[in-house]
Amino acid sequence: MKYVKEFRNPELVKKMLEKIHENADKEVAIMEVCGTHTMSIFRSGIRDLLPENIKLISGPGCPVCVTSQGYIDTVIELSHREDIIITTFGDMLKVPGNKSSLQKEKALGRDIRMVYSPLDAVKIAKENPNKEVVFLAVGFETTAPTIALSVKIAESEKIENYSVLQSIKTMPTTMKALVLDKETKIDGFICPGHVSTVIGVKPYEFLSEEFGVPAVVAGFESGDIIVGLYNLLEMINNNINEVRNTYGRIVNYEGNEKAINTMDEIFDVTRSNWRGLGNLEGTGLRLKKKYSLYDTESKLNIKLCEDKPLKGCICGEILKGKKNPVECKLFSKVCDPMNPVGACMVSEEGTCAAYYKYGSGK
């Protein structure tokens, strides 16, 4: 099954579902750690097609959602400065801060620009030499290589008014934190598909080797996800602890060597503050000291604001898989995609947004 259409074949999906039902003889909790998987699962109605004893948990796979509240409030404060242009991916505009949002600040006349790539931000810096252009470096390993490339280009072209405010997060060590959390029961993982195209399969092997938790790298079509779930159930039922790659048409074992080398050249591994999960060692990236000119925090001598949780929002618990959106008193009553109270309702990859758009499922 090498092509996308084969993973959309309803007959093949039906056969795999039948096998899952035949082999589902105990309670199993599986976490998907990718916002695109979450949306695909809801859009395809997969939750409703699975046996009652197979529980799917949505984890911290939305980069906008896991960005700390302190980071959001810091960005909003920075946008008030006349000498700064804020550049960002579109999803970040609507994320609520404690007092405002970038969307509201933009409406008030702040210079905040949506870009499709950090390379666009470098171009804006080149065109506006009298202003500091700050790119909001939010994302996982998927976006990190391009952010690293933007720094390399800025350095090579001697563009000194460009910097990145870092909130790049890395996934494998975060999955370790989830396994170690005694309040969250996880029998297996669907590994993040987009991240895996960059880092490969190898970085997840510690899950099975150290913790006895099987994992599958899967694609995003309904057939991809069903095949992944079938493999996980087979491993769980037979006490097989390994990481399987069912997304071989895109993901290889070692990952994308060029992308990895670019990240390694520009970034060091560091701690990172995740919404809901806290400050985790080894789950973030920061610019190496030689690139400090492009680090917004050190360049402008700023400190990120303290995290102040939004009143009534349980996004942090949702990201850890401990609660689901319908357990939030604000969900669909006060908080919806047009008026999000929490970050999980903002992005299409957010769990709250998926529940709101497609229904809660099982």
Protein backbone atom coordinates (compact mmCIF):
# COMPACT_ATOMS: atom_id res chain seq x y z
CA MET A 1 0.00 0.00 0.00
CA LYS A 2 2.27 2.73 -1.31
CA TYR A 3 -0.19 5.40 -2.36
CA VAL A 4 -2.65 7.64 -0.55
CA LYS A 5 -5.77 6.30 -2.28
CA GLU A 6 -5.10 2.84 -0.89
CA PHE A 7 -5.27 4.24 2.63
CA ARG A 8 -8.71 5.67 1.81
CA ASN A 9 -10.09 2.36 0.57
CA PRO A 10 -13.25 1.72 2.65
CA GLU A 11 -13.11 -2.06 2.13
CA LEU A 12 -9.56 -2.31 3.45
CA VAL A 13 -10.43 -0.08 6.41
CA LYS A 14 -13.50 -2.21 7.14
CA LYS A 15 -11.44 -5.42 7.18
CA MET A 16 -8.89 -3.91 9.56
CA LEU A 17 -11.67 -2.68 11.84
CA GLU A 18 -13.16 -6.17 11.94
CA LYS A 19 -9.79 -7.56 13.02
CA ILE A 20 -9.52 -4.91 15.72
CA HIS A 21 -12.97 -5.89 17.06
CA GLU A 22 -12.01 -9.56 17.02
CA ASN A 23 -8.88 -8.91 19.10
CA ALA A 24 -10.10 -6.24 21.51
CA ASP A 25 -10.52 -8.31 24.65
CA LYS A 26 -9.31 -5.87 27.33
CA GLU A 27 -9.23 -2.20 28.26
CA VAL A 28 -6.62 -0.34 26.21
CA ALA A 29 -5.68 3.35 26.29
CA ILE A 30 -3.82 4.74 23.27
CA MET A 31 -2.56 8.29 22.96
CA GLU A 32 -2.05 10.09 19.67
CA VAL A 33 0.61 12.79 20.01
CA CYS A 34 -0.16 14.86 16.95
CA GLY A 35 -2.85 17.46 16.39
CA THR A 36 -3.32 16.38 12.77
CA HIS A 37 -3.96 12.81 13.93
CA THR A 38 -6.53 14.17 16.38
CA MET A 39 -8.37 16.01 13.62
CA SER A 40 -8.19 13.00 11.27
CA ILE A 41 -9.57 10.67 13.95
CA PHE A 42 -12.52 12.97 14.60
CA ARG A 43 -13.15 13.78 10.94
CA SER A 44 -13.19 10.08 10.02
CA GLY A 45 -15.40 9.10 12.96
CA ILE A 46 -12.83 6.51 14.04
CA ARG A 47 -13.66 6.82 17.75
CA ASP A 48 -17.23 5.69 17.08
CA LEU A 49 -16.05 2.73 15.00
CA LEU A 50 -13.76 1.25 17.64
CA PRO A 51 -14.75 -1.25 20.36
CA GLU A 52 -15.89 0.34 23.62
CA ASN A 53 -12.83 -0.91 25.48
CA ILE A 54 -10.34 0.90 23.22
CA LYS A 55 -9.90 4.45 24.45
CA LEU A 56 -8.17 7.09 22.35
CA ILE A 57 -6.52 9.95 24.25
CA SER A 58 -5.49 13.19 22.59
CA GLY A 59 -2.07 14.35 23.84
CA PRO A 60 0.02 17.54 23.58
CA GLY A 61 0.37 17.48 19.80
CA CYS A 62 -0.72 21.02 18.98
CA PRO A 63 2.25 23.44 19.01
CA VAL A 64 0.06 26.52 19.51
CA CYS A 65 -1.79 24.84 22.38
CA VAL A 66 1.32 23.85 24.34
CA THR A 67 2.94 27.28 24.07
CA SER A 68 3.09 28.68 27.61
CA GLN A 69 0.82 31.45 28.79
CA GLY A 70 3.85 33.50 29.83
CA TYR A 71 5.16 33.39 26.26
CA ILE A 72 1.82 34.65 24.90
CA ASP A 73 1.69 37.53 27.40
CA THR A 74 5.31 38.45 26.60
CA VAL A 75 4.59 38.65 22.88
CA ILE A 76 1.59 40.89 23.48
CA GLU A 77 3.76 43.24 25.56
CA LEU A 78 6.43 43.27 22.84
CA SER A 79 3.86 44.22 20.22
CA HIS A 80 3.37 47.57 22.02
CA ARG A 81 6.89 48.67 21.13
CA GLU A 82 7.09 51.04 18.17
CA ASP A 83 10.52 49.74 17.15
CA ILE A 84 9.36 46.12 16.72
CA ILE A 85 7.51 44.21 14.01
CA ILE A 86 6.02 40.93 15.22
CA THR A 87 5.86 38.16 12.60
CA THR A 88 4.00 34.93 13.24
CA PHE A 89 2.15 31.94 11.86
CA GLY A 90 -1.57 32.63 11.64
CA ASP A 91 -2.76 30.36 14.46
CA MET A 92 -0.91 32.42 17.04
CA LEU A 93 -2.97 35.54 16.34
CA LYS A 94 -6.07 34.35 18.18
CA VAL A 95 -4.41 32.73 21.20
CA PRO A 96 -5.75 34.56 24.26
CA GLY A 97 -3.37 36.25 26.64
CA ASN A 98 -4.44 37.36 30.09
CA LYS A 99 -5.23 40.86 28.87
CA SER A 100 -5.44 40.71 25.08
CA SER A 101 -4.45 38.74 21.98
CA LEU A 102 -2.28 39.48 18.97
CA GLN A 103 -5.40 39.72 16.85
CA LYS A 104 -6.81 42.44 19.10
CA GLU A 105 -3.48 44.26 19.22
CA LYS A 106 -3.24 44.16 15.42
CA ALA A 107 -6.72 45.70 15.24
CA LEU A 108 -5.44 48.48 17.51
CA GLY A 109 -2.70 49.28 15.01
CA ARG A 110 0.27 47.27 16.30
CA ASP A 111 2.64 46.09 13.58
CA ILE A 112 1.89 42.37 13.65
CA ARG A 113 2.22 40.43 10.41
CA MET A 114 1.17 36.90 9.54
CA VAL A 115 3.75 34.95 7.55
CA TYR A 116 3.78 31.48 6.02
CA SER A 117 7.46 30.88 6.75
CA PRO A 118 10.22 32.38 8.90
CA LEU A 119 11.96 33.09 5.59
CA ASP A 120 9.20 35.64 4.95
CA ALA A 121 10.13 37.26 8.26
CA VAL A 122 13.78 37.55 7.16
CA LYS A 123 12.60 39.32 4.01
CA ILE A 124 10.53 41.75 6.11
CA ALA A 125 13.61 42.48 8.23
CA LYS A 126 15.63 43.21 5.11
CA GLU A 127 12.94 45.63 3.94
CA ASN A 128 12.64 47.36 7.33
CA PRO A 129 16.23 47.94 8.56
CA ASN A 130 15.17 50.49 11.20
CA LYS A 131 12.96 48.04 13.07
CA GLU A 132 13.62 44.80 14.93
CA VAL A 133 11.65 41.99 13.26
CA VAL A 134 10.77 39.30 15.78
CA PHE A 135 9.61 35.91 14.53
CA LEU A 136 7.57 33.82 16.97
CA ALA A 137 9.45 30.53 16.83
CA VAL A 138 6.61 28.23 17.86
CA GLY A 139 6.44 24.60 16.75
CA PHE A 140 7.97 21.14 16.98
CA GLU A 141 10.75 19.46 15.01
CA THR A 142 8.58 19.97 11.93
CA THR A 143 9.17 23.72 11.76
CA ALA A 144 12.55 23.84 13.53
CA PRO A 145 14.70 23.22 10.40
CA THR A 146 13.15 26.17 8.56
CA ILE A 147 13.57 28.41 11.61
CA ALA A 148 17.22 27.32 11.79
CA LEU A 149 17.60 28.08 8.08
CA SER A 150 16.18 31.58 8.59
CA VAL A 151 18.91 32.29 11.13
CA LYS A 152 21.60 30.98 8.75
CA ILE A 153 20.29 33.18 5.95
CA ALA A 154 20.08 36.27 8.19
CA GLU A 155 23.68 35.71 9.28
CA SER A 156 24.98 35.11 5.76
CA GLU A 157 23.25 38.24 4.46
CA LYS A 158 24.30 40.28 7.53
CA ILE A 159 20.70 41.09 8.45
CA GLU A 160 21.10 42.16 12.06
CA ASN A 161 17.56 43.33 12.83
CA TYR A 162 16.04 39.84 12.75
CA SER A 163 15.55 37.63 15.81
CA VAL A 164 13.45 34.71 16.99
CA LEU A 165 11.54 34.48 20.25
CA GLN A 166 11.97 30.83 20.94
CA SER A 167 9.31 28.35 21.96
CA ILE A 168 10.41 25.38 19.82
CA LYS A 169 9.53 22.11 21.50
CA THR A 170 10.68 18.55 20.87
CA MET A 171 8.47 15.53 21.17
CA PRO A 172 10.23 12.27 22.18
CA THR A 173 11.38 13.33 25.67
CA THR A 174 7.94 14.83 26.27
CA MET A 175 6.42 11.42 25.59
CA LYS A 176 8.71 10.08 28.33
CA ALA A 177 7.20 12.62 30.75
CA LEU A 178 3.72 11.41 29.81
CA VAL A 179 4.66 7.78 30.45
CA LEU A 180 6.13 8.69 33.84
CA ASP A 181 3.00 10.59 34.89
CA LYS A 182 1.23 8.12 37.20
CA GLU A 183 -2.13 9.83 36.68
CA THR A 184 -2.12 9.11 32.95
CA LYS A 185 -2.51 5.49 31.82
CA ILE A 186 -1.03 4.95 28.36
CA ASP A 187 -0.75 1.46 26.85
CA GLY A 188 0.59 2.62 23.49
CA PHE A 189 1.40 5.65 21.35
CA ILE A 190 0.59 6.78 17.84
CA CYS A 191 3.73 8.84 17.25
CA PRO A 192 3.49 12.26 15.59
CA GLY A 193 3.55 11.85 11.82
CA HIS A 194 4.90 15.22 10.72
CA VAL A 195 7.59 15.25 13.40
CA SER A 196 8.62 11.74 12.37
CA THR A 197 9.25 12.82 8.78
CA VAL A 198 12.09 14.91 10.23
CA ILE A 199 13.46 12.85 13.12
CA GLY A 200 12.61 9.34 11.90
CA VAL A 201 11.66 6.30 13.98
CA LYS A 202 14.81 5.76 16.04
CA PRO A 203 14.20 8.49 18.68
CA TYR A 204 11.05 6.70 19.93
CA GLU A 205 12.69 3.36 20.61
CA PHE A 206 13.33 4.19 24.26
CA LEU A 207 9.56 3.95 24.84
CA SER A 208 9.56 0.22 24.20
CA GLU A 209 13.10 -0.50 25.42
CA GLU A 210 12.96 1.40 28.72
CA PHE A 211 9.26 1.49 29.55
CA GLY A 212 7.71 -1.43 27.71
CA VAL A 213 5.28 0.84 25.86
CA PRO A 214 4.75 -0.02 22.18
CA ALA A 215 4.44 2.73 19.59
CA VAL A 216 3.55 3.13 15.93
CA VAL A 217 4.52 5.83 13.45
CA ALA A 218 1.42 6.32 11.32
CA GLY A 219 0.18 8.58 8.55
CA PHE A 220 -2.99 10.67 8.53
CA GLU A 221 -5.48 8.91 6.27
CA SER A 222 -8.21 6.85 7.95
CA GLY A 223 -6.51 3.67 6.76
CA ASP A 224 -3.17 4.85 8.16
CA ILE A 225 -4.65 5.33 11.59
CA ILE A 226 -6.60 2.06 11.59
CA VAL A 227 -3.49 0.12 10.52
CA GLY A 228 -1.56 1.84 13.30
CA LEU A 229 -4.21 0.93 15.87
CA TYR A 230 -4.26 -2.67 14.67
CA ASN A 231 -0.49 -2.93 15.08
CA LEU A 232 -0.64 -1.41 18.55
CA LEU A 233 -3.40 -3.79 19.66
CA GLU A 234 -1.44 -6.76 18.32
CA MET A 235 1.66 -5.69 20.25
CA ILE A 236 -0.26 -4.98 23.45
CA ASN A 237 -2.11 -8.33 23.34
CA ASN A 238 1.09 -10.27 22.73
CA ASN A 239 3.39 -8.31 25.06
CA ILE A 240 5.52 -7.17 22.14
CA ASN A 241 7.44 -4.01 22.95
CA GLU A 242 8.72 -2.30 19.83
CA VAL A 243 8.23 0.70 17.59
CA ARG A 244 6.71 -0.02 14.20
CA ASN A 245 6.71 2.25 11.18
CA THR A 246 3.51 1.99 9.12
CA TYR A 247 4.24 5.32 7.39
CA GLY A 248 7.18 4.01 5.38
CA ARG A 249 6.15 5.87 2.25
CA ILE A 250 7.23 9.09 3.98
CA VAL A 251 9.16 8.26 7.17
CA ASN A 252 12.47 6.39 7.36
CA TYR A 253 14.34 5.02 10.34
CA GLU A 254 17.06 7.68 10.60
CA GLY A 255 14.90 10.65 9.58
CA ASN A 256 15.80 13.53 7.28
CA GLU A 257 19.57 13.86 7.65
CA LYS A 258 19.78 17.32 6.09
CA ALA A 259 17.05 18.74 8.32
CA ILE A 260 18.54 17.17 11.43
CA ASN A 261 22.01 18.50 10.62
CA THR A 262 20.62 22.00 10.10
CA MET A 263 18.92 21.90 13.51
CA ASP A 264 22.05 20.54 15.19
CA GLU A 265 24.15 23.30 13.63
CA ILE A 266 21.96 26.13 14.95
CA PHE A 267 20.30 24.82 18.13
CA ASP A 268 21.20 23.30 21.46
CA VAL A 269 18.77 21.14 23.42
CA THR A 270 17.31 22.89 26.46
CA ARG A 271 14.44 22.93 28.93
CA SER A 272 11.08 24.09 27.68
CA ASN A 273 7.95 25.32 29.42
CA TRP A 274 4.85 23.49 28.18
CA ARG A 275 1.30 24.52 28.91
CA GLY A 276 -0.08 21.87 31.24
CA LEU A 277 3.10 19.79 31.45
CA GLY A 278 5.36 22.40 33.05
CA ASN A 279 9.08 23.01 32.58
CA LEU A 280 10.60 19.83 31.13
CA GLU A 281 14.30 19.15 30.68
CA GLY A 282 15.42 18.22 27.18
CA THR A 283 12.17 19.12 25.44
CA GLY A 284 13.10 22.36 23.72
CA LEU A 285 15.63 24.01 21.42
CA ARG A 286 17.57 27.25 21.87
CA LEU A 287 20.00 29.07 19.64
CA LYS A 288 23.68 28.30 20.18
CA LYS A 289 25.67 31.12 21.78
CA LYS A 290 27.33 32.02 18.47
CA TYR A 291 23.86 32.98 17.18
CA SER A 292 22.85 35.08 20.20
CA LEU A 293 22.40 38.11 17.92
CA TYR A 294 19.28 36.36 16.63
CA ASP A 295 17.89 35.42 20.05
CA THR A 296 15.16 37.94 20.97
CA GLU A 297 15.40 37.34 24.72
CA SER A 298 19.13 38.04 25.00
CA LYS A 299 19.23 40.64 22.24
CA LEU A 300 16.47 42.81 23.74
CA ASN A 301 17.31 41.82 27.32
CA ILE A 302 13.79 40.67 28.10
CA LYS A 303 12.43 38.02 30.42
CA LEU A 304 9.35 35.97 29.67
CA CYS A 305 6.29 36.85 31.72
CA GLU A 306 5.24 34.58 34.56
CA ASP A 307 2.67 31.94 33.67
CA LYS A 308 -0.78 32.98 34.85
CA PRO A 309 -3.42 30.37 33.96
CA LEU A 310 -6.58 31.64 32.30
CA LYS A 311 -9.48 31.50 34.73
CA GLY A 312 -11.73 28.48 34.25
CA CYS A 313 -9.72 27.00 31.35
CA ILE A 314 -8.64 23.35 31.74
CA CYS A 315 -6.52 23.25 28.58
CA GLY A 316 -3.51 22.08 30.61
CA GLU A 317 -5.36 18.99 31.85
CA ILE A 318 -6.66 18.26 28.36
CA LEU A 319 -3.14 18.38 26.91
CA LYS A 320 -2.02 15.76 29.43
CA GLY A 321 -4.92 13.49 28.49
CA LYS A 322 -6.40 13.67 32.00
CA LYS A 323 -9.62 15.41 30.95
CA ASN A 324 -11.52 15.94 27.74
CA PRO A 325 -13.09 19.20 26.52
CA VAL A 326 -16.68 18.35 27.47
CA GLU A 327 -15.56 18.26 31.10
CA CYS A 328 -14.71 21.98 30.87
CA LYS A 329 -17.47 24.29 32.11
CA LEU A 330 -16.53 26.84 29.45
CA PHE A 331 -16.62 24.46 26.46
CA SER A 332 -19.12 25.54 23.76
CA LYS A 333 -20.87 27.83 26.25
CA VAL A 334 -18.33 30.59 26.75
CA CYS A 335 -15.45 29.16 24.71
CA ASP A 336 -15.82 28.45 20.97
CA PRO A 337 -13.66 28.96 17.85
CA MET A 338 -14.98 32.48 17.31
CA ASN A 339 -14.33 33.47 20.93
CA PRO A 340 -11.68 31.11 22.30
CA VAL A 341 -10.92 31.32 26.00
CA GLY A 342 -8.12 28.76 25.86
CA ALA A 343 -5.43 27.85 23.33
CA CYS A 344 -6.89 24.38 22.67
CA MET A 345 -9.88 26.01 20.96
CA VAL A 346 -7.77 28.23 18.69
CA SER A 347 -5.86 25.98 16.34
CA GLU A 348 -7.47 23.40 14.06
CA GLU A 349 -5.06 20.94 15.67
CA GLY A 350 -6.42 21.69 19.14
CA THR A 351 -8.42 19.00 20.93
CA CYS A 352 -11.15 21.43 21.96
CA ALA A 353 -11.50 22.63 18.37
CA ALA A 354 -11.82 19.01 17.19
CA TYR A 355 -14.48 18.21 19.80
CA TYR A 356 -16.37 21.37 18.91
CA LYS A 357 -16.29 20.77 15.15
CA TYR A 358 -16.90 17.03 15.01
CA GLY A 359 -18.56 16.15 18.31
CA SER A 360 -17.18 14.37 21.33
CA GLY A 361 -17.29 10.82 20.03
CA LYS A 362 -16.93 8.12 22.67
